[in-house]
Protein backbone atom coordinates (compact mmCIF):
# COMPACT_ATOMS: atom_id res chain seq x y z
CA UNK A 1 85.61 -69.80 18.60
CA UNK A 2 86.63 -66.25 17.44
CA UNK A 3 84.22 -64.60 18.22
CA UNK A 4 82.86 -65.59 20.81
CA UNK A 5 83.02 -63.66 24.25
CA UNK A 6 82.13 -63.83 28.20
CA UNK A 7 79.96 -60.79 27.37
CA UNK A 8 78.52 -58.95 24.49
CA UNK A 9 77.62 -55.03 24.47
CA UNK A 10 74.88 -53.92 22.19
CA UNK A 11 75.31 -50.30 21.97
CA UNK A 12 78.62 -47.83 22.04
CA UNK A 13 77.20 -44.80 23.89
CA UNK A 14 78.67 -43.44 27.49
CA UNK A 15 76.57 -46.44 29.75
CA UNK A 16 77.96 -49.41 26.93
CA UNK A 17 81.11 -47.94 27.12
CA UNK A 18 81.34 -47.79 31.38
CA UNK A 19 79.71 -51.38 30.71
CA UNK A 20 83.17 -52.22 28.66
CA UNK A 21 85.18 -50.36 31.51
CA UNK A 22 83.26 -52.60 34.35
CA UNK A 23 84.27 -55.61 32.15
CA UNK A 24 87.33 -54.96 32.10
CA UNK A 25 88.00 -54.43 35.87
CA UNK A 26 86.31 -58.10 36.15
CA UNK A 27 88.91 -59.68 33.81
CA UNK A 28 85.40 -60.68 31.52
CA UNK A 29 86.12 -60.87 27.75
CA UNK A 30 83.94 -58.38 26.18
CA UNK A 31 82.94 -56.71 23.03
CA UNK A 32 80.74 -53.79 22.54
CA UNK A 33 78.87 -53.60 19.04
CA UNK A 34 77.55 -50.29 17.72
CA UNK A 35 75.66 -49.59 14.84
CA UNK A 36 77.41 -46.39 14.29
CA UNK A 37 80.48 -44.24 15.22
CA UNK A 38 81.36 -44.03 19.06
CA UNK A 39 78.80 -42.44 21.28
CA UNK A 40 77.06 -42.44 18.01
CA UNK A 41 73.70 -40.64 19.62
CA UNK A 42 76.44 -37.50 20.87
CA UNK A 43 77.66 -37.37 17.68
CA UNK A 44 74.51 -37.14 15.93
CA UNK A 45 73.31 -34.23 18.34
CA UNK A 46 72.99 -30.40 17.22
CA UNK A 47 76.43 -29.07 16.69
CA UNK A 48 76.12 -26.48 19.14
CA UNK A 49 74.46 -28.57 21.98
CA UNK A 50 75.17 -27.82 25.59
CA UNK A 51 74.81 -30.58 27.56
CA UNK A 52 72.31 -30.23 30.75
CA UNK A 53 74.70 -32.06 32.87
CA UNK A 54 77.92 -30.74 34.01
CA UNK A 55 81.15 -32.39 32.89
CA UNK A 56 81.41 -34.04 36.34
CA UNK A 57 78.26 -35.64 36.36
CA UNK A 58 78.93 -37.34 33.12
CA UNK A 59 82.55 -38.54 34.01
CA UNK A 60 83.12 -42.83 33.88
CA UNK A 61 85.60 -44.72 34.47
CA UNK A 62 87.85 -42.59 36.79
CA UNK A 63 88.52 -40.49 33.34
CA UNK A 64 88.57 -36.28 33.81
CA UNK A 65 86.32 -34.27 32.17
CA UNK A 66 87.51 -31.09 32.11
CA UNK A 67 85.30 -28.33 29.92
CA UNK A 68 86.20 -24.66 29.34
CA UNK A 69 82.54 -24.00 31.16
CA UNK A 70 80.72 -25.57 33.61
CA UNK A 71 78.42 -27.73 31.17
CA UNK A 72 80.39 -29.45 28.23
CA UNK A 73 79.47 -28.85 24.69
CA UNK A 74 79.17 -31.75 21.99
CA UNK A 75 82.45 -31.18 20.93
CA UNK A 76 84.58 -31.70 24.50
CA UNK A 77 82.13 -35.03 24.95
CA UNK A 78 83.33 -36.17 21.94
CA UNK A 79 87.02 -35.47 22.70
CA UNK A 80 86.21 -37.00 26.30
CA UNK A 81 84.89 -40.33 25.58
CA UNK A 82 87.43 -40.83 22.63
CA UNK A 83 89.71 -40.31 25.34
CA UNK A 84 87.74 -42.99 27.72
CA UNK A 85 88.30 -45.54 24.94
CA UNK A 86 91.84 -44.59 24.28
CA UNK A 87 92.70 -44.57 28.08
CA UNK A 88 91.11 -48.06 28.92
CA UNK A 89 91.84 -49.92 25.44
CA UNK A 90 87.82 -50.59 24.25
CA UNK A 91 86.99 -53.62 22.01
CA UNK A 92 84.60 -51.87 20.13
CA UNK A 93 82.97 -52.83 16.68
CA UNK A 94 81.92 -49.51 15.16
CA UNK A 95 79.38 -49.60 12.42
CA UNK A 96 78.63 -53.23 13.18
CA UNK A 97 74.28 -53.38 13.57
CA UNK A 98 73.00 -56.02 15.57
CA UNK A 99 69.90 -57.61 13.51
CA UNK A 100 69.35 -60.35 15.63
CA UNK A 101 69.33 -63.17 18.82
CA UNK A 102 69.38 -66.43 19.05
CA UNK A 103 70.48 -68.91 22.28
CA UNK A 104 71.88 -72.52 22.05
CA UNK A 105 72.83 -74.67 25.47
CA UNK A 106 73.51 -71.46 26.99
CA UNK A 107 75.11 -69.84 24.41
CA UNK A 108 73.73 -66.55 22.66
CA UNK A 109 73.99 -66.10 18.92
CA UNK A 110 74.15 -62.66 17.75
CA UNK A 111 74.21 -61.77 14.11
CA UNK A 112 74.95 -58.64 12.92
CA UNK A 113 75.84 -56.45 9.40
CA UNK A 114 79.76 -57.95 9.67
CA UNK A 115 78.83 -61.27 10.84
CA UNK A 116 78.38 -63.48 13.58
CA UNK A 117 78.64 -63.20 17.69
CA UNK A 118 78.71 -65.21 20.43
CA UNK A 119 78.30 -64.75 24.30
CA UNK A 120 77.57 -66.49 27.61
CA UNK A 121 76.12 -63.12 28.87
CA UNK A 122 74.60 -59.85 26.86
CA UNK A 123 73.74 -56.27 27.62
CA UNK A 124 71.73 -54.25 26.06
CA UNK A 125 72.15 -50.53 26.32
CA UNK A 126 71.03 -49.07 23.25
CA UNK A 127 70.16 -45.97 24.42
CA UNK A 128 66.42 -44.06 22.58
CA UNK A 129 68.28 -40.91 20.22
CA UNK A 130 68.50 -42.80 17.25
CA UNK A 131 64.70 -43.14 17.17
CA UNK A 132 62.14 -40.65 16.41
CA UNK A 133 58.60 -40.92 16.97
CA UNK A 134 57.02 -40.20 14.27
CA UNK A 135 54.45 -37.84 13.21
CA UNK A 136 52.46 -41.02 11.17
CA UNK A 137 50.75 -38.46 8.38
CA UNK A 138 51.19 -37.89 4.86
CA UNK A 139 54.54 -36.39 4.00
CA UNK A 140 56.74 -37.21 6.41
CA UNK A 141 58.83 -39.10 4.54
CA UNK A 142 60.29 -36.31 2.22
CA UNK A 143 63.52 -34.95 1.90
CA UNK A 144 62.34 -31.90 3.56
CA UNK A 145 61.37 -33.47 7.16
CA UNK A 146 63.67 -33.65 9.04
CA UNK A 147 64.12 -35.30 12.99
CA UNK A 148 67.01 -34.61 13.80
CA UNK A 149 68.46 -31.42 13.90
CA UNK A 150 72.07 -30.12 13.39
CA UNK A 151 72.74 -26.71 12.26
CA UNK A 152 70.95 -23.88 11.94
CA UNK A 153 72.91 -22.73 8.28
CA UNK A 154 70.67 -24.51 5.57
CA UNK A 155 67.52 -22.73 7.14
CA UNK A 156 68.75 -19.41 6.77
CA UNK A 157 66.11 -17.29 4.53
CA UNK A 158 64.16 -20.06 4.49
CA UNK A 159 60.06 -20.65 6.15
CA UNK A 160 61.01 -23.06 8.26
CA UNK A 161 58.41 -24.96 10.94
CA UNK A 162 58.82 -26.19 14.14
CA UNK A 163 56.93 -28.95 15.40
CA UNK A 164 57.11 -29.33 19.21
CA UNK A 165 57.23 -27.11 22.42
CA UNK A 166 59.95 -28.83 24.71
CA UNK A 167 63.94 -28.30 25.16
CA UNK A 168 65.14 -29.42 21.33
CA UNK A 169 62.18 -27.38 20.26
CA UNK A 170 62.96 -24.22 21.65
CA UNK A 171 66.83 -24.30 21.05
CA UNK A 172 65.75 -24.84 17.42
CA UNK A 173 62.66 -22.42 16.88
CA UNK A 174 65.64 -19.65 18.71
CA UNK A 175 68.76 -20.40 16.67
CA UNK A 176 67.22 -20.89 13.48
CA UNK A 177 65.00 -17.61 14.15
CA UNK A 178 68.64 -15.96 15.52
CA UNK A 179 70.79 -17.02 12.34
CA UNK A 180 67.80 -15.65 9.79
CA UNK A 181 64.91 -18.55 9.04
CA UNK A 182 61.08 -17.23 9.21
CA UNK A 183 60.25 -19.49 11.95
CA UNK A 184 56.72 -20.56 12.76
CA UNK A 185 56.00 -23.48 15.96
CA UNK A 186 53.29 -25.97 15.96
CA UNK A 187 52.32 -27.13 19.62
CA UNK A 188 50.10 -29.56 20.46
CA UNK A 189 49.67 -28.05 24.11
CA UNK A 190 48.20 -24.58 25.30
CA UNK A 191 51.54 -23.67 26.17
CA UNK A 192 55.46 -24.08 25.85
CA UNK A 193 56.50 -27.23 27.84
CA UNK A 194 56.62 -25.84 31.45
CA UNK A 195 60.04 -27.67 32.63
CA UNK A 196 62.33 -25.50 29.21
CA UNK A 197 65.15 -24.68 30.52
CA UNK A 198 64.59 -21.69 32.77
CA UNK A 199 66.86 -19.40 30.45
CA UNK A 200 65.53 -20.54 27.50
CA UNK A 201 61.81 -20.63 28.53
CA UNK A 202 60.96 -16.48 28.14
CA UNK A 203 63.30 -16.11 25.49
CA UNK A 204 60.66 -18.41 23.45
CA UNK A 205 57.85 -16.77 25.09
CA UNK A 206 58.84 -13.17 24.49
CA UNK A 207 59.70 -13.84 20.64
CA UNK A 208 56.30 -15.46 20.07
CA UNK A 209 54.57 -13.04 22.19
CA UNK A 210 56.32 -10.24 20.04
CA UNK A 211 55.41 -12.08 16.77
CA UNK A 212 59.16 -12.48 15.90
CA UNK A 213 58.30 -16.15 15.94
CA UNK A 214 54.82 -17.02 15.11
CA UNK A 215 53.41 -20.19 16.86
CA UNK A 216 49.49 -22.11 16.69
CA UNK A 217 49.24 -23.63 19.99
CA UNK A 218 46.38 -26.89 20.55
CA UNK A 219 47.34 -27.62 17.06
CA UNK A 220 48.63 -30.29 15.10
CA UNK A 221 50.77 -30.41 11.35
CA UNK A 222 48.34 -32.87 9.39
CA UNK A 223 49.95 -33.18 5.98
CA UNK A 224 53.26 -32.14 4.71
CA UNK A 225 53.87 -31.54 0.76
CA UNK A 226 56.48 -30.20 -1.00
CA UNK A 227 56.25 -26.47 -0.58
CA UNK A 228 52.96 -26.29 2.05
CA UNK A 229 52.31 -27.31 5.54
CA UNK A 230 48.71 -27.88 6.63
CA UNK A 231 47.48 -27.17 10.52
CA UNK A 232 44.82 -28.23 12.05
CA UNK A 233 44.26 -25.64 14.50
CA UNK A 234 41.61 -24.11 16.79
CA UNK A 235 39.85 -22.18 14.28
CA UNK A 236 40.08 -24.73 11.45
CA UNK A 237 42.42 -25.99 8.74
CA UNK A 238 45.24 -23.78 7.95
CA UNK A 239 47.67 -23.91 5.21
CA UNK A 240 50.89 -22.16 4.85
CA UNK A 241 54.27 -21.92 2.44
CA UNK A 242 56.64 -24.22 3.65
CA UNK A 243 60.58 -24.97 2.65
CA UNK A 244 61.41 -27.16 5.88
CA UNK A 245 60.27 -29.06 9.13
CA UNK A 246 61.71 -29.89 11.79
CA UNK A 247 59.77 -32.49 13.95
CA UNK A 248 61.09 -32.28 17.20
CA UNK A 249 59.10 -34.24 18.82
CA UNK A 250 61.40 -36.64 21.06
CA UNK A 251 62.74 -40.20 20.42
CA UNK A 252 61.55 -43.81 22.07
CA UNK A 253 64.01 -46.84 22.40
CA UNK A 254 64.36 -49.11 19.34
CA UNK A 255 61.18 -51.32 20.50
CA UNK A 256 62.28 -53.23 16.72
CA UNK A 257 65.07 -54.56 18.38
CA UNK A 258 64.32 -55.99 21.42
CA UNK A 259 61.66 -57.96 19.47
CA UNK A 260 64.19 -59.14 17.24
CA UNK A 261 66.23 -59.74 20.45
CA UNK A 262 63.69 -61.46 21.99
CA UNK A 263 63.13 -59.44 25.21
CA UNK A 264 59.64 -58.94 26.55
CA UNK A 265 57.99 -55.30 26.70
CA UNK A 266 55.82 -54.46 29.49
CA UNK A 267 52.09 -53.96 28.16
CA UNK A 268 51.55 -50.32 30.10
CA UNK A 269 52.06 -47.24 27.95
CA UNK A 270 55.34 -47.25 29.43
CA UNK A 271 56.67 -50.06 27.60
CA UNK A 272 59.56 -50.78 29.75
CA UNK A 273 61.74 -53.57 28.74
CA UNK A 274 61.02 -56.64 31.31
CA UNK A 275 64.08 -56.72 33.93
CA UNK A 276 64.81 -57.83 37.51
CA UNK A 277 64.90 -54.00 39.23
CA UNK A 278 68.18 -55.35 41.13
CA UNK A 279 70.09 -57.42 38.69
CA UNK A 280 69.05 -55.19 35.47
CA UNK A 281 68.28 -58.94 33.82
CA UNK A 282 65.63 -59.15 31.48
CA UNK A 283 63.17 -62.86 31.06
CA UNK A 284 66.02 -63.85 28.94
CA UNK A 285 68.65 -65.53 30.87
CA UNK A 286 71.72 -63.94 31.29
CA UNK A 287 70.94 -60.70 28.93
CA UNK A 288 70.59 -57.29 30.90
CA UNK A 289 69.04 -54.34 30.07
CA UNK A 290 71.22 -50.70 31.11
CA UNK A 291 71.31 -47.06 30.64
CA UNK A 292 68.02 -44.82 29.74
CA UNK A 293 66.47 -47.70 27.75
CA UNK A 294 65.08 -49.10 31.36
CA UNK A 295 62.71 -46.40 31.29
CA UNK A 296 60.80 -47.05 28.02
CA UNK A 297 58.79 -44.17 27.26
CA UNK A 298 59.49 -42.05 30.03
CA UNK A 299 62.37 -41.14 28.55
CA UNK A 300 62.51 -37.84 30.77
CA UNK A 301 63.63 -39.66 34.15
CA UNK A 302 67.09 -41.19 33.02
CA UNK A 303 70.21 -39.91 32.01
CA UNK A 304 74.18 -40.77 31.91
CA UNK A 305 74.43 -39.49 35.29
CA UNK A 306 71.62 -41.54 37.02
CA UNK A 307 72.56 -44.61 35.06
CA UNK A 308 76.13 -44.84 35.42
CA UNK A 309 75.11 -47.22 38.33
CA UNK A 310 73.77 -49.87 36.07
CA UNK A 311 77.06 -51.16 34.42
CA UNK A 312 78.45 -52.10 38.17
CA UNK A 313 75.12 -53.89 38.87
CA UNK A 314 74.98 -55.87 36.08
CA UNK A 315 78.63 -57.22 36.09
CA UNK A 316 78.23 -57.91 40.23
CA UNK A 317 75.09 -60.28 39.16
CA UNK A 318 77.14 -61.67 36.30
CA UNK A 319 80.09 -62.22 39.00
CA UNK A 320 77.61 -63.78 41.27
CA UNK A 321 76.19 -66.34 38.54
CA UNK A 322 79.58 -67.10 37.88
CA UNK A 323 82.34 -66.83 41.31
CA UNK A 324 85.09 -67.86 38.97
CA UNK A 325 84.86 -64.98 37.26
CA UNK A 326 85.42 -62.73 39.77
CA UNK A 327 88.66 -60.80 39.88
């Protein structure tokens, strides 16, 4: 079968690539299926984004990550992971969306936007950045509402509402303010998120204190219209003029995909994919989960640097089940 592999890896982000590298070392015939471009999530990060982590903590496959400063930029990361792909000659199929999966005689059949692939083993490493946490309010589907931020230029001289107060929201509010936007923040809590980056938190708090950036605390957006935003504040309902809304409300794993694949999810509020902590195998035999999705909704606990080990754990588990596959 032309599209049959020892291993199918769903997700072409850093952890998916690392799984491919470990599969290469183990002489496993594999393919990486990625719904977008190489490291699609990083590609959709803000244009001027700088990583929290240092470059050495993002390295995979023994390929050195050299950046101009201690913490690399999005552009440097994209270049780095292109070099990783080239160095290891990784077998990646971009723009190949996985839709569903079935099993027959211990073989998994993965239906994609570009045909069917089959495999004896599957690793799901899809991350969470592609799936925003929605507000579920009227007007959220308007073109002016965005859950992903790219660049400040479109918001010059525009009335902008930023929803949220974590790192992304504060970064967006400051960058757009400095480029000429009229920024209003709407924050559910009574203060800026305490764990905002130490060099950002005083800046955003000072801009709010001096009135340069307007902030409504203990408040929520209840509706968005073409030209206005309706806010529920402690002092009662408020309507303000508005051109754009950036909903920096965070992201979550793609639970619709997990359901389509048949992976069980924990019934508590964390909604973690059910898996063996030692092998990372799910309720489906020979199907594994890797990367940040293993934390479910608790998305601030796992990162590239502390999930790189998942690749080795899974490949060793596969080899333990199939001694003949050991290199």
